[in-house]
Amino acid sequence: MQTRRMTHEEIDHTLCLFAAMNTMHKILGIDRMESRIRLIPNGWRDANMIYKRLKWLCDQLMETIPDEKRMALEAQMGAMKYKVYTHPDAIPPKDHFMIRNDNFETLAIAAHEQCMLCDHSERCKSCQLGKALDAHLPFTRTKSWAYIDLADILRGDSNDY
């Protein structure tokens, strides 16, 4: 088999494949996962096949790496541990928080009630409840909360807010 040097990106992706293979091996060794996977028609057979194909692919990839780099990678892999992390953009800043849709709906109902009684004067711009809800919208609101249908927002059906 032909060998050639690997780029840093290729090394990283190769290590990801090894991590997937090792994770699959661990999963197949957990009794509870075996019983869960066996609930799927041909699931246990397919899970084992995935592991075996990943192992074959990893073995073949190692054959494409020059000997000195392969030995260094093999030595490294024993001490490495890959982990899945949340992308930083998915984590809200410390002064923000995530809100579930059902909680958002409850707050929107309160705002709807409050906004129905509002005279929409300058006080409307400084309303803390409206500002809190606006912070969770992916767009700029142009109407009073009294006239916004929350179901449309949650479904993404309307752009007229």
N, C-alpha and C. Protein backbone atom coordinates (compact mmCIF):
# COMPACT_ATOMS: atom_id res chain seq x y z
N MET A 1 0.85 -1.18 0.00
CA MET A 1 0.00 0.00 0.00
C MET A 1 0.89 1.24 0.00
N GLN A 2 0.47 2.24 -0.73
CA GLN A 2 1.25 3.47 -0.83
C GLN A 2 1.13 4.29 0.47
N THR A 3 2.25 4.87 0.89
CA THR A 3 2.24 5.72 2.08
C THR A 3 2.58 7.15 1.68
N ARG A 4 2.07 8.09 2.48
CA ARG A 4 2.43 9.50 2.30
C ARG A 4 2.23 10.22 3.62
N ARG A 5 2.89 11.36 3.73
CA ARG A 5 2.76 12.16 4.96
C ARG A 5 1.33 12.63 5.14
N MET A 6 0.95 12.80 6.40
CA MET A 6 -0.40 13.29 6.71
C MET A 6 -0.34 14.75 7.11
N THR A 7 -1.38 15.49 6.75
CA THR A 7 -1.51 16.86 7.22
C THR A 7 -2.06 16.81 8.66
N HIS A 8 -2.01 17.93 9.35
CA HIS A 8 -2.58 17.98 10.71
C HIS A 8 -4.07 17.67 10.68
N GLU A 9 -4.74 18.16 9.66
CA GLU A 9 -6.17 17.91 9.54
C GLU A 9 -6.45 16.42 9.33
N GLU A 10 -5.65 15.76 8.50
CA GLU A 10 -5.82 14.32 8.27
C GLU A 10 -5.55 13.53 9.56
N ILE A 11 -4.56 13.95 10.31
CA ILE A 11 -4.26 13.28 11.59
C ILE A 11 -5.45 13.44 12.53
N ASP A 12 -5.99 14.64 12.62
CA ASP A 12 -7.14 14.89 13.50
C ASP A 12 -8.33 14.03 13.10
N HIS A 13 -8.61 13.96 11.81
CA HIS A 13 -9.75 13.16 11.34
C HIS A 13 -9.51 11.66 11.56
N THR A 14 -8.28 11.23 11.38
CA THR A 14 -7.94 9.83 11.64
C THR A 14 -8.16 9.50 13.11
N LEU A 15 -7.73 10.40 13.98
CA LEU A 15 -7.93 10.19 15.42
C LEU A 15 -9.42 10.17 15.76
N CYS A 16 -10.21 10.96 15.07
CA CYS A 16 -11.67 10.93 15.27
C CYS A 16 -12.23 9.56 14.90
N LEU A 17 -11.75 9.00 13.80
CA LEU A 17 -12.21 7.66 13.41
C LEU A 17 -11.81 6.62 14.46
N PHE A 18 -10.60 6.74 14.99
CA PHE A 18 -10.17 5.82 16.06
C PHE A 18 -11.05 6.01 17.30
N ALA A 19 -11.39 7.25 17.60
CA ALA A 19 -12.25 7.52 18.75
C ALA A 19 -13.63 6.89 18.53
N ALA A 20 -14.16 6.99 17.31
CA ALA A 20 -15.45 6.38 17.00
C ALA A 20 -15.38 4.87 17.15
N MET A 21 -14.29 4.28 16.66
CA MET A 21 -14.12 2.84 16.77
C MET A 21 -14.05 2.42 18.24
N ASN A 22 -13.26 3.13 19.04
CA ASN A 22 -13.14 2.79 20.47
C ASN A 22 -14.45 2.98 21.20
N THR A 23 -15.19 4.03 20.86
CA THR A 23 -16.50 4.27 21.48
C THR A 23 -17.46 3.15 21.12
N MET A 24 -17.46 2.74 19.87
CA MET A 24 -18.33 1.65 19.43
C MET A 24 -17.97 0.36 20.17
N HIS A 25 -16.69 0.11 20.35
CA HIS A 25 -16.23 -1.08 21.07
C HIS A 25 -16.75 -1.05 22.52
N LYS A 26 -16.67 0.11 23.16
CA LYS A 26 -17.17 0.23 24.54
C LYS A 26 -18.67 0.01 24.60
N ILE A 27 -19.41 0.61 23.66
CA ILE A 27 -20.87 0.48 23.65
C ILE A 27 -21.27 -0.98 23.50
N LEU A 28 -20.58 -1.71 22.64
CA LEU A 28 -20.92 -3.12 22.42
C LEU A 28 -20.64 -3.97 23.65
N GLY A 29 -19.83 -3.48 24.57
CA GLY A 29 -19.51 -4.22 25.79
C GLY A 29 -20.45 -3.92 26.95
N ILE A 30 -21.41 -3.05 26.76
CA ILE A 30 -22.35 -2.69 27.83
C ILE A 30 -23.62 -3.51 27.67
N ASP A 31 -23.94 -4.31 28.68
CA ASP A 31 -25.10 -5.21 28.60
C ASP A 31 -26.41 -4.47 28.32
N ARG A 32 -26.61 -3.34 28.99
CA ARG A 32 -27.86 -2.60 28.79
C ARG A 32 -27.98 -2.10 27.37
N MET A 33 -26.84 -1.69 26.78
CA MET A 33 -26.89 -1.22 25.40
C MET A 33 -27.15 -2.38 24.44
N GLU A 34 -26.60 -3.54 24.77
CA GLU A 34 -26.85 -4.70 23.91
C GLU A 34 -28.35 -5.01 23.87
N SER A 35 -28.98 -5.01 25.04
CA SER A 35 -30.42 -5.31 25.06
C SER A 35 -31.22 -4.23 24.35
N ARG A 36 -30.78 -2.99 24.45
CA ARG A 36 -31.45 -1.89 23.75
C ARG A 36 -31.28 -2.03 22.24
N ILE A 37 -30.05 -2.31 21.81
CA ILE A 37 -29.76 -2.43 20.38
C ILE A 37 -30.48 -3.65 19.79
N ARG A 38 -30.62 -4.70 20.59
CA ARG A 38 -31.30 -5.90 20.09
C ARG A 38 -32.80 -5.67 19.88
N LEU A 39 -33.34 -4.59 20.43
CA LEU A 39 -34.75 -4.26 20.18
C LEU A 39 -34.97 -3.85 18.73
N ILE A 40 -33.91 -3.44 18.07
CA ILE A 40 -33.98 -3.01 16.67
C ILE A 40 -33.76 -4.24 15.79
N PRO A 41 -34.61 -4.46 14.80
CA PRO A 41 -34.39 -5.60 13.91
C PRO A 41 -32.99 -5.52 13.28
N ASN A 42 -32.22 -6.57 13.44
CA ASN A 42 -30.83 -6.66 12.95
C ASN A 42 -29.90 -5.63 13.58
N GLY A 43 -30.32 -5.00 14.65
CA GLY A 43 -29.53 -3.94 15.29
C GLY A 43 -28.20 -4.42 15.82
N TRP A 44 -28.20 -5.58 16.50
CA TRP A 44 -26.95 -6.07 17.09
C TRP A 44 -25.96 -6.47 15.99
N ARG A 45 -26.48 -7.10 14.95
CA ARG A 45 -25.63 -7.47 13.81
C ARG A 45 -25.04 -6.22 13.16
N ASP A 46 -25.89 -5.20 12.94
CA ASP A 46 -25.43 -3.97 12.30
C ASP A 46 -24.41 -3.22 13.16
N ALA A 47 -24.66 -3.18 14.48
CA ALA A 47 -23.73 -2.50 15.38
C ALA A 47 -22.36 -3.17 15.35
N ASN A 48 -22.34 -4.49 15.35
CA ASN A 48 -21.07 -5.21 15.26
C ASN A 48 -20.40 -5.00 13.91
N MET A 49 -21.20 -4.94 12.87
CA MET A 49 -20.65 -4.70 11.53
C MET A 49 -20.02 -3.30 11.46
N ILE A 50 -20.69 -2.32 12.06
CA ILE A 50 -20.14 -0.95 12.07
C ILE A 50 -18.78 -0.95 12.77
N TYR A 51 -18.71 -1.62 13.92
CA TYR A 51 -17.44 -1.69 14.64
C TYR A 51 -16.36 -2.36 13.80
N LYS A 52 -16.69 -3.49 13.20
CA LYS A 52 -15.70 -4.22 12.40
C LYS A 52 -15.24 -3.42 11.19
N ARG A 53 -16.14 -2.70 10.54
CA ARG A 53 -15.76 -1.88 9.39
C ARG A 53 -14.92 -0.68 9.82
N LEU A 54 -15.25 -0.08 10.97
CA LEU A 54 -14.42 1.01 11.49
C LEU A 54 -13.03 0.51 11.83
N LYS A 55 -12.97 -0.66 12.43
CA LYS A 55 -11.65 -1.24 12.78
C LYS A 55 -10.84 -1.51 11.51
N TRP A 56 -11.48 -2.09 10.51
CA TRP A 56 -10.80 -2.35 9.25
C TRP A 56 -10.30 -1.05 8.63
N LEU A 57 -11.17 -0.02 8.60
CA LEU A 57 -10.80 1.27 8.02
C LEU A 57 -9.62 1.89 8.76
N CYS A 58 -9.66 1.86 10.08
CA CYS A 58 -8.56 2.41 10.88
C CYS A 58 -7.26 1.66 10.63
N ASP A 59 -7.35 0.34 10.57
CA ASP A 59 -6.15 -0.47 10.29
C ASP A 59 -5.57 -0.11 8.92
N GLN A 60 -6.44 0.03 7.92
CA GLN A 60 -5.99 0.36 6.57
C GLN A 60 -5.41 1.77 6.51
N LEU A 61 -6.02 2.71 7.24
CA LEU A 61 -5.48 4.08 7.28
C LEU A 61 -4.08 4.10 7.86
N MET A 62 -3.86 3.31 8.89
CA MET A 62 -2.53 3.27 9.51
C MET A 62 -1.48 2.75 8.53
N GLU A 63 -1.88 1.90 7.61
CA GLU A 63 -0.95 1.38 6.60
C GLU A 63 -0.53 2.45 5.59
N THR A 64 -1.31 3.54 5.48
CA THR A 64 -0.96 4.59 4.52
C THR A 64 -0.02 5.63 5.11
N ILE A 65 0.31 5.48 6.39
CA ILE A 65 1.17 6.45 7.08
C ILE A 65 2.60 5.92 7.10
N PRO A 66 3.59 6.75 6.82
CA PRO A 66 4.98 6.29 6.89
C PRO A 66 5.30 5.71 8.28
N ASP A 67 6.21 4.75 8.32
CA ASP A 67 6.51 4.00 9.53
C ASP A 67 6.81 4.86 10.75
N GLU A 68 7.67 5.88 10.59
CA GLU A 68 8.06 6.68 11.77
C GLU A 68 6.85 7.45 12.34
N LYS A 69 5.98 7.95 11.46
CA LYS A 69 4.80 8.69 11.95
C LYS A 69 3.78 7.72 12.52
N ARG A 70 3.66 6.54 11.92
CA ARG A 70 2.71 5.55 12.42
C ARG A 70 3.09 5.11 13.83
N MET A 71 4.37 4.87 14.07
CA MET A 71 4.81 4.47 15.42
C MET A 71 4.53 5.59 16.42
N ALA A 72 4.76 6.84 16.02
CA ALA A 72 4.50 7.97 16.91
C ALA A 72 3.00 8.10 17.21
N LEU A 73 2.18 7.92 16.17
CA LEU A 73 0.72 7.99 16.38
C LEU A 73 0.22 6.86 17.27
N GLU A 74 0.73 5.67 17.04
CA GLU A 74 0.31 4.53 17.87
C GLU A 74 0.68 4.74 19.33
N ALA A 75 1.84 5.31 19.57
CA ALA A 75 2.27 5.60 20.94
C ALA A 75 1.37 6.68 21.55
N GLN A 76 1.01 7.67 20.74
CA GLN A 76 0.16 8.77 21.21
C GLN A 76 -1.25 8.28 21.54
N MET A 77 -1.78 7.41 20.70
CA MET A 77 -3.19 6.99 20.84
C MET A 77 -3.48 6.31 22.16
N GLY A 78 -2.52 5.61 22.71
CA GLY A 78 -2.75 4.95 23.99
C GLY A 78 -3.01 5.93 25.12
N ALA A 79 -2.45 7.12 25.02
CA ALA A 79 -2.60 8.11 26.08
C ALA A 79 -3.67 9.16 25.76
N MET A 80 -4.28 9.05 24.59
CA MET A 80 -5.25 10.08 24.18
C MET A 80 -6.66 9.68 24.54
N LYS A 81 -7.48 10.71 24.75
CA LYS A 81 -8.89 10.48 25.02
C LYS A 81 -9.66 11.56 24.27
N TYR A 82 -10.55 11.14 23.40
CA TYR A 82 -11.38 12.08 22.68
C TYR A 82 -12.69 12.24 23.41
N LYS A 83 -13.21 13.46 23.43
CA LYS A 83 -14.46 13.75 24.12
C LYS A 83 -15.29 14.67 23.24
N VAL A 84 -16.60 14.59 23.37
CA VAL A 84 -17.48 15.48 22.62
C VAL A 84 -17.78 16.70 23.49
N TYR A 85 -17.57 17.86 22.92
CA TYR A 85 -17.85 19.11 23.63
C TYR A 85 -18.92 19.90 22.90
N THR A 86 -19.63 20.72 23.62
CA THR A 86 -20.61 21.61 23.01
C THR A 86 -19.86 22.76 22.37
N HIS A 87 -20.28 23.10 21.18
CA HIS A 87 -19.66 24.23 20.49
C HIS A 87 -19.92 25.50 21.31
N PRO A 88 -18.92 26.38 21.46
CA PRO A 88 -19.08 27.57 22.30
C PRO A 88 -20.31 28.43 21.95
N ASP A 89 -20.69 28.46 20.67
CA ASP A 89 -21.85 29.28 20.29
C ASP A 89 -23.16 28.72 20.86
N ALA A 90 -23.18 27.43 21.21
CA ALA A 90 -24.39 26.81 21.74
C ALA A 90 -24.53 27.06 23.24
N ILE A 91 -23.52 27.59 23.87
CA ILE A 91 -23.55 27.87 25.30
C ILE A 91 -23.83 29.35 25.48
N PRO A 92 -24.92 29.69 26.17
CA PRO A 92 -25.20 31.11 26.34
C PRO A 92 -24.15 31.78 27.23
N PRO A 93 -23.90 33.07 27.01
CA PRO A 93 -22.97 33.79 27.89
C PRO A 93 -23.44 33.73 29.34
N LYS A 94 -22.53 34.00 30.27
CA LYS A 94 -22.86 33.87 31.69
C LYS A 94 -24.02 34.76 32.13
N ASP A 95 -24.21 35.90 31.45
CA ASP A 95 -25.30 36.78 31.87
C ASP A 95 -26.60 36.50 31.10
N HIS A 96 -26.67 35.40 30.34
CA HIS A 96 -27.85 35.00 29.61
C HIS A 96 -28.30 33.61 30.07
N PHE A 97 -29.47 33.23 29.65
CA PHE A 97 -29.94 31.89 29.94
C PHE A 97 -30.79 31.40 28.79
N MET A 98 -30.95 30.08 28.71
CA MET A 98 -31.78 29.47 27.68
C MET A 98 -33.18 29.34 28.26
N ILE A 99 -34.18 29.44 27.39
CA ILE A 99 -35.55 29.26 27.85
C ILE A 99 -36.25 28.28 26.92
N ARG A 100 -36.94 27.34 27.50
CA ARG A 100 -37.65 26.34 26.71
C ARG A 100 -38.90 26.97 26.11
N ASN A 101 -39.37 26.41 24.98
CA ASN A 101 -40.54 26.97 24.30
C ASN A 101 -41.77 27.02 25.18
N ASP A 102 -42.00 25.97 26.00
CA ASP A 102 -43.19 25.98 26.84
C ASP A 102 -43.11 27.07 27.91
N ASN A 103 -41.92 27.34 28.43
CA ASN A 103 -41.75 28.44 29.38
C ASN A 103 -41.89 29.78 28.68
N PHE A 104 -41.38 29.87 27.47
CA PHE A 104 -41.50 31.09 26.68
C PHE A 104 -42.97 31.39 26.42
N GLU A 105 -43.74 30.35 26.13
CA GLU A 105 -45.17 30.53 25.87
C GLU A 105 -45.88 31.09 27.09
N THR A 106 -45.54 30.60 28.27
CA THR A 106 -46.15 31.09 29.51
C THR A 106 -45.82 32.58 29.71
N LEU A 107 -44.56 32.95 29.48
CA LEU A 107 -44.18 34.35 29.61
C LEU A 107 -44.88 35.22 28.56
N ALA A 108 -45.02 34.68 27.35
CA ALA A 108 -45.68 35.45 26.29
C ALA A 108 -47.15 35.68 26.60
N ILE A 109 -47.79 34.71 27.22
CA ILE A 109 -49.20 34.88 27.62
C ILE A 109 -49.30 36.01 28.64
N ALA A 110 -48.37 36.04 29.60
CA ALA A 110 -48.36 37.13 30.59
C ALA A 110 -48.13 38.48 29.89
N ALA A 111 -47.22 38.52 28.96
CA ALA A 111 -46.96 39.76 28.23
C ALA A 111 -48.18 40.16 27.41
N HIS A 112 -48.82 39.17 26.80
CA HIS A 112 -50.02 39.43 26.01
C HIS A 112 -51.09 40.09 26.87
N GLU A 113 -51.29 39.54 28.07
CA GLU A 113 -52.28 40.11 28.99
C GLU A 113 -51.89 41.53 29.41
N GLN A 114 -50.63 41.72 29.75
CA GLN A 114 -50.17 43.03 30.19
C GLN A 114 -50.24 44.04 29.05
N CYS A 115 -49.86 43.61 27.85
CA CYS A 115 -49.83 44.52 26.70
C CYS A 115 -51.23 44.93 26.26
N MET A 116 -52.23 44.09 26.49
CA MET A 116 -53.60 44.46 26.14
C MET A 116 -54.06 45.68 26.92
N LEU A 117 -53.55 45.84 28.13
CA LEU A 117 -53.94 46.97 28.97
C LEU A 117 -53.01 48.16 28.80
N CYS A 118 -51.95 47.99 28.02
CA CYS A 118 -50.95 49.04 27.86
C CYS A 118 -51.46 50.11 26.89
N ASP A 119 -51.07 51.36 27.14
CA ASP A 119 -51.48 52.44 26.25
C ASP A 119 -50.48 52.67 25.12
N HIS A 120 -49.44 51.82 25.03
CA HIS A 120 -48.42 51.86 23.98
C HIS A 120 -47.72 53.21 23.87
N SER A 121 -47.53 53.83 25.01
CA SER A 121 -46.82 55.11 25.04
C SER A 121 -45.32 54.84 25.19
N GLU A 122 -44.57 55.83 25.63
CA GLU A 122 -43.13 55.66 25.86
C GLU A 122 -42.84 54.59 26.90
N ARG A 123 -43.79 54.35 27.80
CA ARG A 123 -43.60 53.31 28.82
C ARG A 123 -43.45 51.94 28.17
N CYS A 124 -44.06 51.75 27.03
CA CYS A 124 -43.99 50.47 26.33
C CYS A 124 -42.55 50.12 25.99
N LYS A 125 -41.74 51.11 25.63
CA LYS A 125 -40.35 50.86 25.25
C LYS A 125 -39.50 50.45 26.45
N SER A 126 -39.93 50.80 27.64
CA SER A 126 -39.15 50.46 28.83
C SER A 126 -39.76 49.30 29.62
N CYS A 127 -40.73 48.61 29.05
CA CYS A 127 -41.39 47.49 29.73
C CYS A 127 -40.40 46.33 29.91
N GLN A 128 -40.14 45.95 31.15
CA GLN A 128 -39.17 44.89 31.44
C GLN A 128 -39.62 43.52 30.92
N LEU A 129 -40.92 43.24 31.00
CA LEU A 129 -41.43 41.96 30.52
C LEU A 129 -41.25 41.84 29.00
N GLY A 130 -41.61 42.90 28.29
CA GLY A 130 -41.43 42.91 26.83
C GLY A 130 -39.97 42.78 26.44
N LYS A 131 -39.09 43.48 27.15
CA LYS A 131 -37.65 43.41 26.86
C LYS A 131 -37.12 41.99 27.09
N ALA A 132 -37.58 41.35 28.16
CA ALA A 132 -37.13 39.99 28.46
C ALA A 132 -37.54 39.03 27.35
N LEU A 133 -38.76 39.17 26.86
CA LEU A 133 -39.21 38.30 25.77
C LEU A 133 -38.51 38.64 24.47
N ASP A 134 -38.30 39.92 24.21
CA ASP A 134 -37.61 40.34 22.98
C ASP A 134 -36.21 39.76 22.90
N ALA A 135 -35.57 39.59 24.04
CA ALA A 135 -34.21 39.06 24.06
C ALA A 135 -34.14 37.64 23.50
N HIS A 136 -35.26 36.92 23.49
CA HIS A 136 -35.28 35.54 23.00
C HIS A 136 -35.74 35.43 21.56
N LEU A 137 -36.12 36.53 20.95
CA LEU A 137 -36.58 36.49 19.57
C LEU A 137 -35.41 36.61 18.61
N PRO A 138 -35.43 35.85 17.53
CA PRO A 138 -34.34 35.94 16.55
C PRO A 138 -34.56 37.06 15.53
N PHE A 139 -35.44 37.99 15.82
CA PHE A 139 -35.76 39.09 14.92
C PHE A 139 -36.14 40.30 15.75
N THR A 140 -36.32 41.44 15.11
CA THR A 140 -36.74 42.66 15.81
C THR A 140 -38.26 42.75 15.74
N ARG A 141 -38.87 42.83 16.90
CA ARG A 141 -40.33 42.90 16.98
C ARG A 141 -40.79 44.31 16.59
N THR A 142 -41.83 44.39 15.75
CA THR A 142 -42.35 45.69 15.32
C THR A 142 -43.75 45.96 15.86
N LYS A 143 -44.42 44.94 16.42
CA LYS A 143 -45.77 45.10 16.97
C LYS A 143 -45.76 44.94 18.48
N SER A 144 -46.84 45.35 19.10
CA SER A 144 -47.02 45.11 20.53
C SER A 144 -47.23 43.62 20.75
N TRP A 145 -46.82 43.13 21.90
CA TRP A 145 -47.03 41.72 22.23
C TRP A 145 -48.52 41.38 22.23
N ALA A 146 -49.39 42.35 22.39
CA ALA A 146 -50.83 42.12 22.40
C ALA A 146 -51.31 41.59 21.05
N TYR A 147 -50.58 41.87 19.99
CA TYR A 147 -51.01 41.50 18.64
C TYR A 147 -50.15 40.40 18.01
N ILE A 148 -49.31 39.77 18.79
CA ILE A 148 -48.42 38.73 18.25
C ILE A 148 -48.96 37.36 18.64
N ASP A 149 -49.06 36.48 17.65
CA ASP A 149 -49.48 35.10 17.90
C ASP A 149 -48.24 34.26 18.17
N LEU A 150 -48.08 33.83 19.40
CA LEU A 150 -46.89 33.09 19.79
C LEU A 150 -46.76 31.77 19.04
N ALA A 151 -47.88 31.14 18.74
CA ALA A 151 -47.83 29.86 18.01
C ALA A 151 -47.11 30.04 16.67
N ASP A 152 -47.34 31.18 16.00
CA ASP A 152 -46.65 31.44 14.73
C ASP A 152 -45.15 31.56 14.95
N ILE A 153 -44.76 32.23 16.02
CA ILE A 153 -43.33 32.41 16.31
C ILE A 153 -42.67 31.06 16.54
N LEU A 154 -43.29 30.23 17.37
CA LEU A 154 -42.70 28.94 17.72
C LEU A 154 -42.62 28.00 16.51
N ARG A 155 -43.59 28.11 15.62
CA ARG A 155 -43.58 27.29 14.39
C ARG A 155 -42.73 27.93 13.31
N GLY A 156 -42.46 29.24 13.42
CA GLY A 156 -41.71 29.94 12.39
C GLY A 156 -42.55 30.20 11.16
N ASP A 157 -43.90 30.23 11.33
CA ASP A 157 -44.79 30.37 10.19
C ASP A 157 -44.93 31.80 9.67
N SER A 158 -44.72 32.77 10.52
CA SER A 158 -45.00 34.13 10.11
C SER A 158 -43.78 35.02 10.35
N ASN A 159 -43.60 35.99 9.49
CA ASN A 159 -42.50 36.95 9.68
C ASN A 159 -43.04 38.32 10.02
N ASP A 160 -44.34 38.40 10.25
CA ASP A 160 -44.99 39.69 10.50
C ASP A 160 -45.15 39.88 12.01
N TYR A 161 -44.08 40.39 12.65
CA TYR A 161 -44.11 40.58 14.09
C TYR A 161 -43.94 42.04 14.41
